[in-house]
N, C-alpha and C. Protein backbone atom coordinates (compact mmCIF):
# COMPACT_ATOMS: atom_id res chain seq x y z
N MET A 1 -36.99 -11.97 -43.04
CA MET A 1 -35.90 -12.78 -42.54
C MET A 1 -35.89 -14.10 -43.32
N ARG A 2 -34.76 -14.52 -43.81
CA ARG A 2 -34.66 -15.76 -44.58
C ARG A 2 -34.84 -16.96 -43.68
N LEU A 3 -35.24 -18.09 -44.28
CA LEU A 3 -35.50 -19.32 -43.54
C LEU A 3 -34.27 -19.78 -42.78
N THR A 4 -33.08 -19.68 -43.38
CA THR A 4 -31.88 -20.12 -42.68
C THR A 4 -31.61 -19.27 -41.45
N SER A 5 -31.92 -17.98 -41.53
CA SER A 5 -31.74 -17.11 -40.37
C SER A 5 -32.72 -17.47 -39.26
N VAL A 6 -33.94 -17.76 -39.65
CA VAL A 6 -34.95 -18.17 -38.66
C VAL A 6 -34.54 -19.49 -38.03
N ARG A 7 -34.08 -20.44 -38.86
CA ARG A 7 -33.64 -21.74 -38.34
C ARG A 7 -32.47 -21.56 -37.38
N ALA A 8 -31.53 -20.71 -37.74
CA ALA A 8 -30.37 -20.47 -36.89
C ALA A 8 -30.79 -19.85 -35.57
N LEU A 9 -31.67 -18.87 -35.62
CA LEU A 9 -32.12 -18.21 -34.40
C LEU A 9 -32.88 -19.19 -33.50
N CYS A 10 -33.73 -20.01 -34.09
CA CYS A 10 -34.47 -21.01 -33.30
C CYS A 10 -33.52 -22.00 -32.65
N LEU A 11 -32.48 -22.41 -33.39
CA LEU A 11 -31.51 -23.33 -32.84
C LEU A 11 -30.76 -22.72 -31.66
N VAL A 12 -30.38 -21.47 -31.80
CA VAL A 12 -29.68 -20.77 -30.71
C VAL A 12 -30.55 -20.74 -29.46
N ILE A 13 -31.80 -20.38 -29.64
CA ILE A 13 -32.71 -20.29 -28.50
C ILE A 13 -32.94 -21.67 -27.88
N ALA A 14 -33.19 -22.66 -28.72
CA ALA A 14 -33.48 -24.01 -28.21
C ALA A 14 -32.28 -24.61 -27.49
N LEU A 15 -31.11 -24.53 -28.09
CA LEU A 15 -29.93 -25.11 -27.44
C LEU A 15 -29.54 -24.32 -26.20
N GLY A 16 -29.75 -23.02 -26.24
CA GLY A 16 -29.48 -22.22 -25.04
C GLY A 16 -30.38 -22.63 -23.90
N ALA A 17 -31.65 -22.86 -24.19
CA ALA A 17 -32.60 -23.29 -23.15
C ALA A 17 -32.23 -24.66 -22.63
N LEU A 18 -31.86 -25.58 -23.52
CA LEU A 18 -31.45 -26.91 -23.09
C LEU A 18 -30.20 -26.85 -22.24
N SER A 19 -29.26 -26.02 -22.65
CA SER A 19 -28.02 -25.89 -21.91
C SER A 19 -28.28 -25.38 -20.50
N ASP A 20 -29.14 -24.38 -20.37
CA ASP A 20 -29.46 -23.84 -19.05
C ASP A 20 -30.11 -24.89 -18.17
N ALA A 21 -30.86 -25.81 -18.78
CA ALA A 21 -31.54 -26.84 -18.01
C ALA A 21 -30.62 -27.99 -17.66
N GLY A 22 -29.39 -27.98 -18.18
CA GLY A 22 -28.45 -29.04 -17.88
C GLY A 22 -28.69 -30.30 -18.70
N ILE A 23 -29.50 -30.22 -19.75
CA ILE A 23 -29.81 -31.39 -20.55
C ILE A 23 -28.78 -31.56 -21.66
N ALA A 24 -28.41 -30.50 -22.31
CA ALA A 24 -27.46 -30.57 -23.42
C ALA A 24 -26.28 -29.67 -23.12
N SER A 25 -25.17 -29.99 -23.75
CA SER A 25 -23.98 -29.18 -23.55
C SER A 25 -23.41 -28.80 -24.89
N PRO A 26 -23.55 -27.57 -25.30
CA PRO A 26 -23.05 -27.15 -26.61
C PRO A 26 -21.58 -26.79 -26.58
N SER A 27 -20.78 -27.59 -25.88
CA SER A 27 -19.43 -27.14 -25.64
C SER A 27 -18.36 -28.13 -26.06
N PHE A 28 -18.62 -28.93 -27.08
CA PHE A 28 -17.60 -29.81 -27.63
C PHE A 28 -17.01 -30.74 -26.57
N ASN A 29 -17.84 -31.23 -25.66
CA ASN A 29 -17.34 -32.03 -24.54
C ASN A 29 -16.90 -33.41 -24.97
N THR A 30 -15.77 -33.83 -24.46
CA THR A 30 -15.28 -35.19 -24.65
C THR A 30 -15.59 -36.00 -23.41
N ASN A 31 -15.80 -37.28 -23.61
CA ASN A 31 -16.04 -38.16 -22.46
C ASN A 31 -14.77 -38.92 -22.09
N ARG A 32 -13.63 -38.54 -22.67
CA ARG A 32 -12.36 -39.18 -22.32
C ARG A 32 -11.95 -38.70 -20.92
N PRO A 33 -11.76 -39.62 -19.98
CA PRO A 33 -11.47 -39.22 -18.60
C PRO A 33 -10.28 -38.26 -18.47
N ASN A 34 -9.23 -38.47 -19.26
CA ASN A 34 -8.05 -37.61 -19.13
C ASN A 34 -8.25 -36.23 -19.77
N LEU A 35 -9.33 -36.04 -20.53
CA LEU A 35 -9.58 -34.76 -21.18
C LEU A 35 -10.81 -34.06 -20.63
N GLN A 36 -11.62 -34.79 -19.87
CA GLN A 36 -12.94 -34.30 -19.49
C GLN A 36 -12.92 -33.01 -18.68
N LYS A 37 -12.04 -32.91 -17.70
CA LYS A 37 -12.00 -31.71 -16.86
C LYS A 37 -11.71 -30.46 -17.69
N ASN A 38 -10.67 -30.52 -18.51
CA ASN A 38 -10.33 -29.36 -19.35
C ASN A 38 -11.41 -29.08 -20.39
N SER A 39 -12.04 -30.14 -20.87
CA SER A 39 -13.13 -29.98 -21.84
C SER A 39 -14.30 -29.23 -21.22
N ARG A 40 -14.66 -29.60 -20.01
CA ARG A 40 -15.77 -28.93 -19.33
C ARG A 40 -15.43 -27.48 -19.00
N GLU A 41 -14.18 -27.23 -18.59
CA GLU A 41 -13.76 -25.86 -18.31
C GLU A 41 -13.81 -24.99 -19.57
N ALA A 42 -13.35 -25.55 -20.69
CA ALA A 42 -13.41 -24.82 -21.96
C ALA A 42 -14.86 -24.54 -22.33
N GLY A 43 -15.72 -25.53 -22.12
CA GLY A 43 -17.14 -25.35 -22.41
C GLY A 43 -17.77 -24.27 -21.55
N ALA A 44 -17.37 -24.21 -20.28
CA ALA A 44 -17.90 -23.18 -19.39
C ALA A 44 -17.46 -21.79 -19.86
N MET A 45 -16.20 -21.67 -20.29
CA MET A 45 -15.71 -20.38 -20.81
C MET A 45 -16.47 -20.00 -22.08
N LEU A 46 -16.70 -20.99 -22.94
CA LEU A 46 -17.46 -20.75 -24.16
C LEU A 46 -18.86 -20.24 -23.83
N ASN A 47 -19.51 -20.89 -22.88
CA ASN A 47 -20.86 -20.47 -22.49
C ASN A 47 -20.87 -19.10 -21.82
N ASP A 48 -19.81 -18.76 -21.09
CA ASP A 48 -19.70 -17.40 -20.55
C ASP A 48 -19.64 -16.38 -21.69
N GLY A 49 -18.91 -16.72 -22.75
CA GLY A 49 -18.84 -15.84 -23.91
C GLY A 49 -20.18 -15.70 -24.60
N LEU A 50 -20.91 -16.81 -24.72
CA LEU A 50 -22.24 -16.76 -25.33
C LEU A 50 -23.21 -15.97 -24.47
N ALA A 51 -23.09 -16.11 -23.15
CA ALA A 51 -23.96 -15.34 -22.25
C ALA A 51 -23.68 -13.84 -22.39
N ALA A 52 -22.41 -13.48 -22.49
CA ALA A 52 -22.06 -12.06 -22.69
C ALA A 52 -22.60 -11.57 -24.04
N SER A 53 -22.58 -12.45 -25.05
CA SER A 53 -23.15 -12.09 -26.35
C SER A 53 -24.64 -11.81 -26.24
N HIS A 54 -25.32 -12.62 -25.46
CA HIS A 54 -26.76 -12.40 -25.30
C HIS A 54 -27.05 -11.12 -24.52
N THR A 55 -26.20 -10.78 -23.57
CA THR A 55 -26.34 -9.51 -22.87
C THR A 55 -26.08 -8.36 -23.85
N MET A 56 -25.14 -8.56 -24.74
CA MET A 56 -24.87 -7.57 -25.79
C MET A 56 -26.13 -7.35 -26.64
N PHE A 57 -26.81 -8.45 -27.00
CA PHE A 57 -28.04 -8.34 -27.77
C PHE A 57 -29.09 -7.55 -27.00
N LYS A 58 -29.16 -7.77 -25.69
CA LYS A 58 -30.12 -7.02 -24.87
C LYS A 58 -29.86 -5.53 -24.96
N PHE A 59 -28.59 -5.13 -24.83
CA PHE A 59 -28.26 -3.71 -24.90
C PHE A 59 -28.54 -3.13 -26.28
N LEU A 60 -28.40 -3.94 -27.30
CA LEU A 60 -28.74 -3.47 -28.65
C LEU A 60 -30.24 -3.19 -28.76
N GLU A 61 -31.06 -4.00 -28.08
CA GLU A 61 -32.51 -3.75 -28.08
C GLU A 61 -32.82 -2.37 -27.50
N TYR A 62 -32.04 -1.96 -26.51
CA TYR A 62 -32.22 -0.65 -25.89
C TYR A 62 -31.45 0.45 -26.62
N GLN A 63 -30.75 0.10 -27.68
CA GLN A 63 -29.90 1.01 -28.43
C GLN A 63 -28.84 1.66 -27.53
N SER A 64 -28.36 0.88 -26.59
CA SER A 64 -27.27 1.30 -25.69
C SER A 64 -25.96 0.76 -26.28
N PHE A 65 -25.43 1.47 -27.26
CA PHE A 65 -24.32 0.96 -28.05
C PHE A 65 -23.02 0.86 -27.26
N ASN A 66 -22.78 1.78 -26.34
CA ASN A 66 -21.57 1.69 -25.52
C ASN A 66 -21.59 0.42 -24.67
N GLU A 67 -22.74 0.15 -24.04
CA GLU A 67 -22.87 -1.04 -23.22
C GLU A 67 -22.79 -2.31 -24.08
N ALA A 68 -23.39 -2.26 -25.27
CA ALA A 68 -23.34 -3.41 -26.18
C ALA A 68 -21.89 -3.71 -26.57
N ASN A 69 -21.14 -2.66 -26.88
CA ASN A 69 -19.74 -2.87 -27.23
C ASN A 69 -18.92 -3.37 -26.04
N SER A 70 -19.26 -2.92 -24.86
CA SER A 70 -18.58 -3.41 -23.65
C SER A 70 -18.83 -4.91 -23.45
N GLU A 71 -20.08 -5.33 -23.63
CA GLU A 71 -20.40 -6.77 -23.51
C GLU A 71 -19.75 -7.57 -24.63
N ARG A 72 -19.67 -6.97 -25.80
CA ARG A 72 -18.97 -7.63 -26.90
C ARG A 72 -17.52 -7.88 -26.52
N ASN A 73 -16.88 -6.89 -25.89
CA ASN A 73 -15.49 -7.06 -25.44
C ASN A 73 -15.37 -8.19 -24.42
N ARG A 74 -16.33 -8.27 -23.50
CA ARG A 74 -16.32 -9.37 -22.52
C ARG A 74 -16.47 -10.72 -23.22
N ALA A 75 -17.39 -10.78 -24.18
CA ALA A 75 -17.61 -12.03 -24.92
C ALA A 75 -16.34 -12.44 -25.67
N VAL A 76 -15.68 -11.48 -26.29
CA VAL A 76 -14.44 -11.76 -27.01
C VAL A 76 -13.40 -12.36 -26.07
N GLN A 77 -13.25 -11.78 -24.89
CA GLN A 77 -12.24 -12.29 -23.96
C GLN A 77 -12.58 -13.71 -23.50
N PHE A 78 -13.85 -13.97 -23.17
CA PHE A 78 -14.23 -15.33 -22.79
C PHE A 78 -13.95 -16.33 -23.92
N LEU A 79 -14.27 -15.94 -25.15
CA LEU A 79 -14.04 -16.84 -26.28
C LEU A 79 -12.55 -17.05 -26.54
N LYS A 80 -11.75 -16.01 -26.33
CA LYS A 80 -10.30 -16.18 -26.48
C LYS A 80 -9.78 -17.17 -25.43
N ASP A 81 -10.28 -17.05 -24.21
CA ASP A 81 -9.86 -17.98 -23.16
C ASP A 81 -10.31 -19.40 -23.48
N ALA A 82 -11.53 -19.55 -23.99
CA ALA A 82 -12.03 -20.88 -24.37
C ALA A 82 -11.18 -21.46 -25.50
N LYS A 83 -10.82 -20.63 -26.46
CA LYS A 83 -10.01 -21.10 -27.59
C LYS A 83 -8.67 -21.63 -27.10
N VAL A 84 -8.03 -20.92 -26.18
CA VAL A 84 -6.74 -21.37 -25.63
C VAL A 84 -6.92 -22.74 -24.95
N LYS A 85 -8.00 -22.88 -24.20
CA LYS A 85 -8.27 -24.15 -23.51
C LYS A 85 -8.52 -25.27 -24.53
N TYR A 86 -9.29 -24.98 -25.57
CA TYR A 86 -9.54 -25.98 -26.62
C TYR A 86 -8.25 -26.35 -27.35
N GLU A 87 -7.37 -25.36 -27.59
CA GLU A 87 -6.09 -25.67 -28.23
C GLU A 87 -5.27 -26.63 -27.38
N GLY A 88 -5.33 -26.46 -26.06
CA GLY A 88 -4.65 -27.40 -25.17
C GLY A 88 -5.24 -28.79 -25.27
N LEU A 89 -6.55 -28.87 -25.42
CA LEU A 89 -7.21 -30.18 -25.57
C LEU A 89 -6.77 -30.88 -26.85
N VAL A 90 -6.59 -30.11 -27.92
CA VAL A 90 -6.15 -30.71 -29.18
C VAL A 90 -4.79 -31.37 -28.97
N LYS A 91 -3.90 -30.70 -28.26
CA LYS A 91 -2.57 -31.26 -28.00
C LYS A 91 -2.65 -32.52 -27.15
N GLN A 92 -3.62 -32.58 -26.24
CA GLN A 92 -3.77 -33.73 -25.35
C GLN A 92 -4.54 -34.89 -25.98
N ALA A 93 -5.37 -34.60 -26.96
CA ALA A 93 -6.22 -35.64 -27.56
C ALA A 93 -5.37 -36.68 -28.28
N PRO A 94 -5.77 -37.94 -28.17
CA PRO A 94 -5.00 -38.99 -28.84
C PRO A 94 -5.09 -38.87 -30.35
N ASP A 95 -3.99 -39.16 -31.00
CA ASP A 95 -3.94 -39.12 -32.46
C ASP A 95 -4.26 -40.51 -33.01
N GLN A 96 -5.35 -41.05 -32.51
CA GLN A 96 -5.78 -42.38 -32.95
C GLN A 96 -7.02 -42.25 -33.82
N ASP A 97 -7.27 -43.29 -34.60
CA ASP A 97 -8.41 -43.26 -35.51
C ASP A 97 -9.70 -42.96 -34.76
N LEU A 98 -10.54 -42.17 -35.41
CA LEU A 98 -11.88 -41.88 -34.90
C LEU A 98 -12.83 -42.89 -35.52
N VAL A 99 -13.44 -43.70 -34.68
CA VAL A 99 -14.38 -44.71 -35.16
C VAL A 99 -15.69 -44.49 -34.42
N MET A 100 -16.66 -43.93 -35.14
CA MET A 100 -17.96 -43.71 -34.52
C MET A 100 -18.81 -44.97 -34.71
N ARG A 101 -19.46 -45.39 -33.63
CA ARG A 101 -20.29 -46.58 -33.65
C ARG A 101 -21.67 -46.26 -33.09
N PRO A 102 -22.48 -45.57 -33.88
CA PRO A 102 -23.82 -45.27 -33.38
C PRO A 102 -24.63 -46.55 -33.24
N SER A 103 -25.38 -46.66 -32.15
CA SER A 103 -26.14 -47.88 -31.92
C SER A 103 -27.65 -47.67 -31.93
N THR A 104 -28.09 -46.43 -31.89
CA THR A 104 -29.53 -46.15 -31.93
C THR A 104 -29.84 -45.29 -33.15
N ASP A 105 -31.11 -45.22 -33.48
CA ASP A 105 -31.52 -44.36 -34.60
C ASP A 105 -31.16 -42.90 -34.33
N ASP A 106 -31.32 -42.45 -33.08
CA ASP A 106 -30.96 -41.06 -32.74
C ASP A 106 -29.47 -40.83 -32.94
N GLU A 107 -28.64 -41.78 -32.53
CA GLU A 107 -27.20 -41.63 -32.71
C GLU A 107 -26.82 -41.66 -34.19
N LYS A 108 -27.47 -42.51 -34.97
CA LYS A 108 -27.20 -42.56 -36.41
C LYS A 108 -27.59 -41.24 -37.06
N SER A 109 -28.72 -40.70 -36.65
CA SER A 109 -29.17 -39.41 -37.18
C SER A 109 -28.19 -38.30 -36.79
N ALA A 110 -27.72 -38.32 -35.55
CA ALA A 110 -26.76 -37.31 -35.09
C ALA A 110 -25.45 -37.41 -35.87
N GLU A 111 -25.00 -38.62 -36.14
CA GLU A 111 -23.76 -38.78 -36.92
C GLU A 111 -23.95 -38.21 -38.33
N GLN A 112 -25.08 -38.50 -38.95
CA GLN A 112 -25.36 -37.96 -40.28
C GLN A 112 -25.42 -36.43 -40.25
N ASP A 113 -26.11 -35.88 -39.25
CA ASP A 113 -26.18 -34.42 -39.11
C ASP A 113 -24.80 -33.82 -38.89
N PHE A 114 -23.99 -34.48 -38.07
CA PHE A 114 -22.63 -34.02 -37.79
C PHE A 114 -21.85 -33.90 -39.10
N ARG A 115 -21.86 -34.95 -39.89
CA ARG A 115 -21.11 -34.95 -41.15
C ARG A 115 -21.67 -33.88 -42.11
N LYS A 116 -22.99 -33.75 -42.14
CA LYS A 116 -23.62 -32.76 -43.01
C LYS A 116 -23.25 -31.33 -42.58
N ARG A 117 -23.31 -31.06 -41.28
CA ARG A 117 -22.99 -29.71 -40.79
C ARG A 117 -21.52 -29.36 -41.00
N LEU A 118 -20.65 -30.36 -40.84
CA LEU A 118 -19.23 -30.11 -41.11
C LEU A 118 -19.03 -29.72 -42.58
N ALA A 119 -19.68 -30.45 -43.47
CA ALA A 119 -19.57 -30.15 -44.90
C ALA A 119 -20.11 -28.74 -45.20
N GLU A 120 -21.26 -28.40 -44.61
CA GLU A 120 -21.83 -27.06 -44.81
C GLU A 120 -20.89 -25.96 -44.32
N ALA A 121 -20.20 -26.25 -43.21
CA ALA A 121 -19.27 -25.27 -42.64
C ALA A 121 -17.89 -25.33 -43.30
N LYS A 122 -17.75 -26.22 -44.29
CA LYS A 122 -16.48 -26.39 -45.00
C LYS A 122 -15.34 -26.78 -44.05
N ILE A 123 -15.67 -27.68 -43.13
CA ILE A 123 -14.70 -28.22 -42.19
C ILE A 123 -14.48 -29.68 -42.57
N GLU A 124 -13.23 -30.06 -42.68
CA GLU A 124 -12.88 -31.43 -43.08
C GLU A 124 -13.40 -32.45 -42.06
N GLN A 125 -13.88 -33.58 -42.58
CA GLN A 125 -14.36 -34.65 -41.71
C GLN A 125 -13.18 -35.18 -40.88
N PRO A 126 -13.33 -35.29 -39.57
CA PRO A 126 -12.21 -35.76 -38.74
C PRO A 126 -11.95 -37.25 -38.94
N LYS A 127 -10.67 -37.58 -39.05
CA LYS A 127 -10.27 -38.98 -39.17
C LYS A 127 -9.69 -39.51 -37.87
N THR A 128 -9.26 -38.57 -37.00
CA THR A 128 -8.68 -38.96 -35.72
C THR A 128 -9.38 -38.22 -34.59
N GLU A 129 -9.16 -38.70 -33.38
CA GLU A 129 -9.74 -38.02 -32.22
C GLU A 129 -9.13 -36.63 -32.04
N ARG A 130 -7.88 -36.47 -32.40
CA ARG A 130 -7.25 -35.15 -32.31
C ARG A 130 -7.94 -34.18 -33.28
N GLN A 131 -8.26 -34.64 -34.48
CA GLN A 131 -8.96 -33.80 -35.44
C GLN A 131 -10.38 -33.48 -34.96
N LEU A 132 -11.00 -34.43 -34.26
CA LEU A 132 -12.32 -34.17 -33.68
C LEU A 132 -12.22 -33.05 -32.65
N ALA A 133 -11.20 -33.11 -31.81
CA ALA A 133 -10.99 -32.05 -30.81
C ALA A 133 -10.72 -30.70 -31.48
N ALA A 134 -10.07 -30.72 -32.63
CA ALA A 134 -9.71 -29.48 -33.32
C ALA A 134 -10.92 -28.74 -33.89
N ILE A 135 -12.03 -29.43 -34.05
CA ILE A 135 -13.23 -28.76 -34.57
C ILE A 135 -13.63 -27.59 -33.68
N ALA A 136 -13.51 -27.78 -32.37
CA ALA A 136 -13.86 -26.70 -31.44
C ALA A 136 -13.00 -25.46 -31.72
N VAL A 137 -11.71 -25.66 -31.92
CA VAL A 137 -10.80 -24.53 -32.18
C VAL A 137 -11.22 -23.82 -33.47
N THR A 138 -11.51 -24.60 -34.51
CA THR A 138 -11.89 -24.02 -35.79
C THR A 138 -13.17 -23.18 -35.68
N VAL A 139 -14.20 -23.75 -35.07
CA VAL A 139 -15.49 -23.07 -35.02
C VAL A 139 -15.45 -21.87 -34.07
N VAL A 140 -14.79 -22.01 -32.94
CA VAL A 140 -14.66 -20.88 -32.01
C VAL A 140 -13.84 -19.77 -32.65
N THR A 141 -12.78 -20.12 -33.36
CA THR A 141 -11.96 -19.11 -34.04
C THR A 141 -12.76 -18.34 -35.08
N GLN A 142 -13.57 -19.06 -35.86
CA GLN A 142 -14.40 -18.39 -36.87
C GLN A 142 -15.39 -17.43 -36.21
N HIS A 143 -16.02 -17.89 -35.15
CA HIS A 143 -17.00 -17.05 -34.46
C HIS A 143 -16.32 -15.85 -33.79
N LEU A 144 -15.21 -16.11 -33.18
CA LEU A 144 -14.44 -15.05 -32.50
C LEU A 144 -14.03 -13.96 -33.48
N LYS A 145 -13.64 -14.34 -34.68
CA LYS A 145 -13.24 -13.35 -35.69
C LYS A 145 -14.41 -12.41 -36.01
N LEU A 146 -15.59 -12.97 -36.22
CA LEU A 146 -16.76 -12.13 -36.50
C LEU A 146 -17.08 -11.20 -35.34
N LEU A 147 -17.07 -11.76 -34.14
CA LEU A 147 -17.41 -10.98 -32.95
C LEU A 147 -16.37 -9.90 -32.68
N ASP A 148 -15.12 -10.25 -32.86
CA ASP A 148 -14.03 -9.30 -32.58
C ASP A 148 -14.05 -8.10 -33.53
N GLU A 149 -14.50 -8.32 -34.75
CA GLU A 149 -14.54 -7.24 -35.75
C GLU A 149 -15.79 -6.39 -35.64
N LEU A 150 -16.74 -6.81 -34.83
CA LEU A 150 -18.04 -6.15 -34.74
C LEU A 150 -17.96 -4.93 -33.82
N LYS A 151 -18.36 -3.79 -34.35
CA LYS A 151 -18.49 -2.56 -33.55
C LYS A 151 -19.84 -1.96 -33.90
N PHE A 152 -20.64 -1.68 -32.90
CA PHE A 152 -21.99 -1.20 -33.15
C PHE A 152 -22.03 0.31 -33.23
N LYS A 153 -22.72 0.78 -34.28
CA LYS A 153 -22.85 2.22 -34.49
C LYS A 153 -24.31 2.63 -34.55
N GLY A 154 -25.21 1.66 -34.63
CA GLY A 154 -26.62 1.99 -34.64
C GLY A 154 -27.19 2.32 -36.00
N GLY A 155 -26.74 1.61 -37.01
CA GLY A 155 -27.29 1.84 -38.35
C GLY A 155 -27.60 0.53 -39.04
N ARG A 156 -27.98 0.66 -40.29
CA ARG A 156 -28.33 -0.52 -41.08
C ARG A 156 -27.16 -1.49 -41.21
N ASP A 157 -25.96 -0.98 -41.23
CA ASP A 157 -24.78 -1.84 -41.36
C ASP A 157 -24.70 -2.86 -40.23
N ASP A 158 -25.22 -2.50 -39.07
CA ASP A 158 -25.20 -3.43 -37.93
C ASP A 158 -26.01 -4.69 -38.22
N ASN A 159 -27.09 -4.56 -38.99
CA ASN A 159 -27.99 -5.70 -39.21
C ASN A 159 -27.31 -6.85 -39.93
N GLU A 160 -26.60 -6.60 -40.99
CA GLU A 160 -25.95 -7.69 -41.73
C GLU A 160 -24.86 -8.34 -40.90
N ARG A 161 -24.11 -7.54 -40.14
CA ARG A 161 -23.07 -8.12 -39.28
C ARG A 161 -23.69 -8.96 -38.17
N LEU A 162 -24.81 -8.48 -37.62
CA LEU A 162 -25.51 -9.26 -36.60
C LEU A 162 -26.06 -10.56 -37.16
N ARG A 163 -26.59 -10.49 -38.36
CA ARG A 163 -27.11 -11.69 -39.00
C ARG A 163 -26.00 -12.73 -39.17
N ALA A 164 -24.85 -12.31 -39.63
CA ALA A 164 -23.71 -13.22 -39.79
C ALA A 164 -23.27 -13.78 -38.44
N LEU A 165 -23.28 -12.93 -37.41
CA LEU A 165 -22.89 -13.37 -36.08
C LEU A 165 -23.87 -14.41 -35.53
N ILE A 166 -25.15 -14.18 -35.69
CA ILE A 166 -26.16 -15.11 -35.19
C ILE A 166 -26.06 -16.44 -35.94
N HIS A 167 -25.84 -16.39 -37.23
CA HIS A 167 -25.66 -17.63 -37.99
C HIS A 167 -24.43 -18.38 -37.50
N SER A 168 -23.35 -17.66 -37.25
CA SER A 168 -22.13 -18.26 -36.75
C SER A 168 -22.35 -18.90 -35.38
N GLN A 169 -23.10 -18.20 -34.53
CA GLN A 169 -23.37 -18.72 -33.20
C GLN A 169 -24.22 -20.00 -33.28
N ALA A 170 -25.18 -20.03 -34.19
CA ALA A 170 -26.00 -21.23 -34.37
C ALA A 170 -25.13 -22.40 -34.84
N THR A 171 -24.21 -22.13 -35.75
CA THR A 171 -23.30 -23.17 -36.23
C THR A 171 -22.43 -23.66 -35.08
N LEU A 172 -21.92 -22.74 -34.29
CA LEU A 172 -21.08 -23.09 -33.14
C LEU A 172 -21.85 -23.99 -32.17
N LEU A 173 -23.07 -23.61 -31.85
CA LEU A 173 -23.87 -24.40 -30.92
C LEU A 173 -24.21 -25.78 -31.48
N GLU A 174 -24.61 -25.81 -32.74
CA GLU A 174 -24.99 -27.10 -33.32
C GLU A 174 -23.78 -28.03 -33.45
N LEU A 175 -22.67 -27.52 -33.95
CA LEU A 175 -21.49 -28.38 -34.04
C LEU A 175 -20.95 -28.73 -32.66
N GLY A 176 -21.17 -27.87 -31.69
CA GLY A 176 -20.75 -28.18 -30.32
C GLY A 176 -21.45 -29.41 -29.78
N ILE A 177 -22.77 -29.44 -29.88
CA ILE A 177 -23.51 -30.58 -29.35
C ILE A 177 -23.27 -31.82 -30.22
N LEU A 178 -23.16 -31.65 -31.53
CA LEU A 178 -22.90 -32.80 -32.40
C LEU A 178 -21.51 -33.38 -32.16
N THR A 179 -20.54 -32.52 -31.86
CA THR A 179 -19.19 -33.01 -31.54
C THR A 179 -19.21 -33.77 -30.21
N THR A 180 -19.97 -33.28 -29.25
CA THR A 180 -20.12 -34.00 -27.98
C THR A 180 -20.69 -35.40 -28.24
N ILE A 181 -21.70 -35.48 -29.10
CA ILE A 181 -22.30 -36.77 -29.43
C ILE A 181 -21.29 -37.65 -30.17
N ALA A 182 -20.51 -37.05 -31.07
CA ALA A 182 -19.50 -37.82 -31.80
C ALA A 182 -18.48 -38.44 -30.84
N TRP A 183 -18.06 -37.68 -29.83
CA TRP A 183 -17.16 -38.24 -28.82
C TRP A 183 -17.83 -39.43 -28.14
N ASP A 184 -19.09 -39.27 -27.80
CA ASP A 184 -19.81 -40.32 -27.08
C ASP A 184 -19.94 -41.60 -27.91
N ILE A 185 -20.33 -41.47 -29.16
CA ILE A 185 -20.55 -42.67 -29.97
C ILE A 185 -19.27 -43.25 -30.52
N SER A 186 -18.15 -42.58 -30.32
CA SER A 186 -16.87 -43.15 -30.75
C SER A 186 -16.18 -43.87 -29.60
N THR A 187 -16.90 -44.08 -28.51
CA THR A 187 -16.33 -44.72 -27.34
C THR A 187 -17.21 -45.90 -26.93
N PRO A 188 -17.12 -47.00 -27.64
CA PRO A 188 -18.01 -48.11 -27.33
C PRO A 188 -17.73 -48.76 -25.99
N SER A 189 -16.54 -48.55 -25.40
CA SER A 189 -16.23 -49.20 -24.14
C SER A 189 -16.86 -48.52 -22.93
N LEU A 190 -17.31 -47.27 -23.09
CA LEU A 190 -17.94 -46.59 -21.98
C LEU A 190 -19.41 -46.90 -21.93
N LYS A 191 -19.95 -47.05 -20.74
CA LYS A 191 -21.38 -47.31 -20.56
C LYS A 191 -22.15 -46.05 -20.92
N ARG A 192 -23.31 -46.23 -21.53
CA ARG A 192 -24.17 -45.10 -21.87
C ARG A 192 -25.37 -45.11 -21.00
């Protein structure tokens, strides 16, 4: 297994554990009061899709391909619902300049990681809050495309598609939490 695959898998496991504990939210959450409710609902749908993906992985361990494909279908539907919700958030997000103001070393590091991960994913750096909100749509759409095209047959071909899917999921989770942090540090008027 290549180092990037191991890193991606570790990130998925770590962020999933943090998310379950209520410490981190890999769901592109905004702290804008007028967007927060829809943002959290979209994040919950996204996490339902990720949970169904993990159940799909469980069935693959048992080589239960019909059940794995059924869970894949559930995951696809949850992600489609999340995408629609995120698209609504993009329309609601203000088209004002995005100004991130990190005040701690951790926030500065997160901003640097955010910009680096966007570049790695070939996603344009957001200049406005609306563009920041659109990152969720872009990343969920990319992941959804991979998942939607995936059909398990129980052969070697499954491995490369799974590897791509796991890498995509790691990118989705990492950009999700980094986008949440970007929203937070771009709002100096809110108490932290």
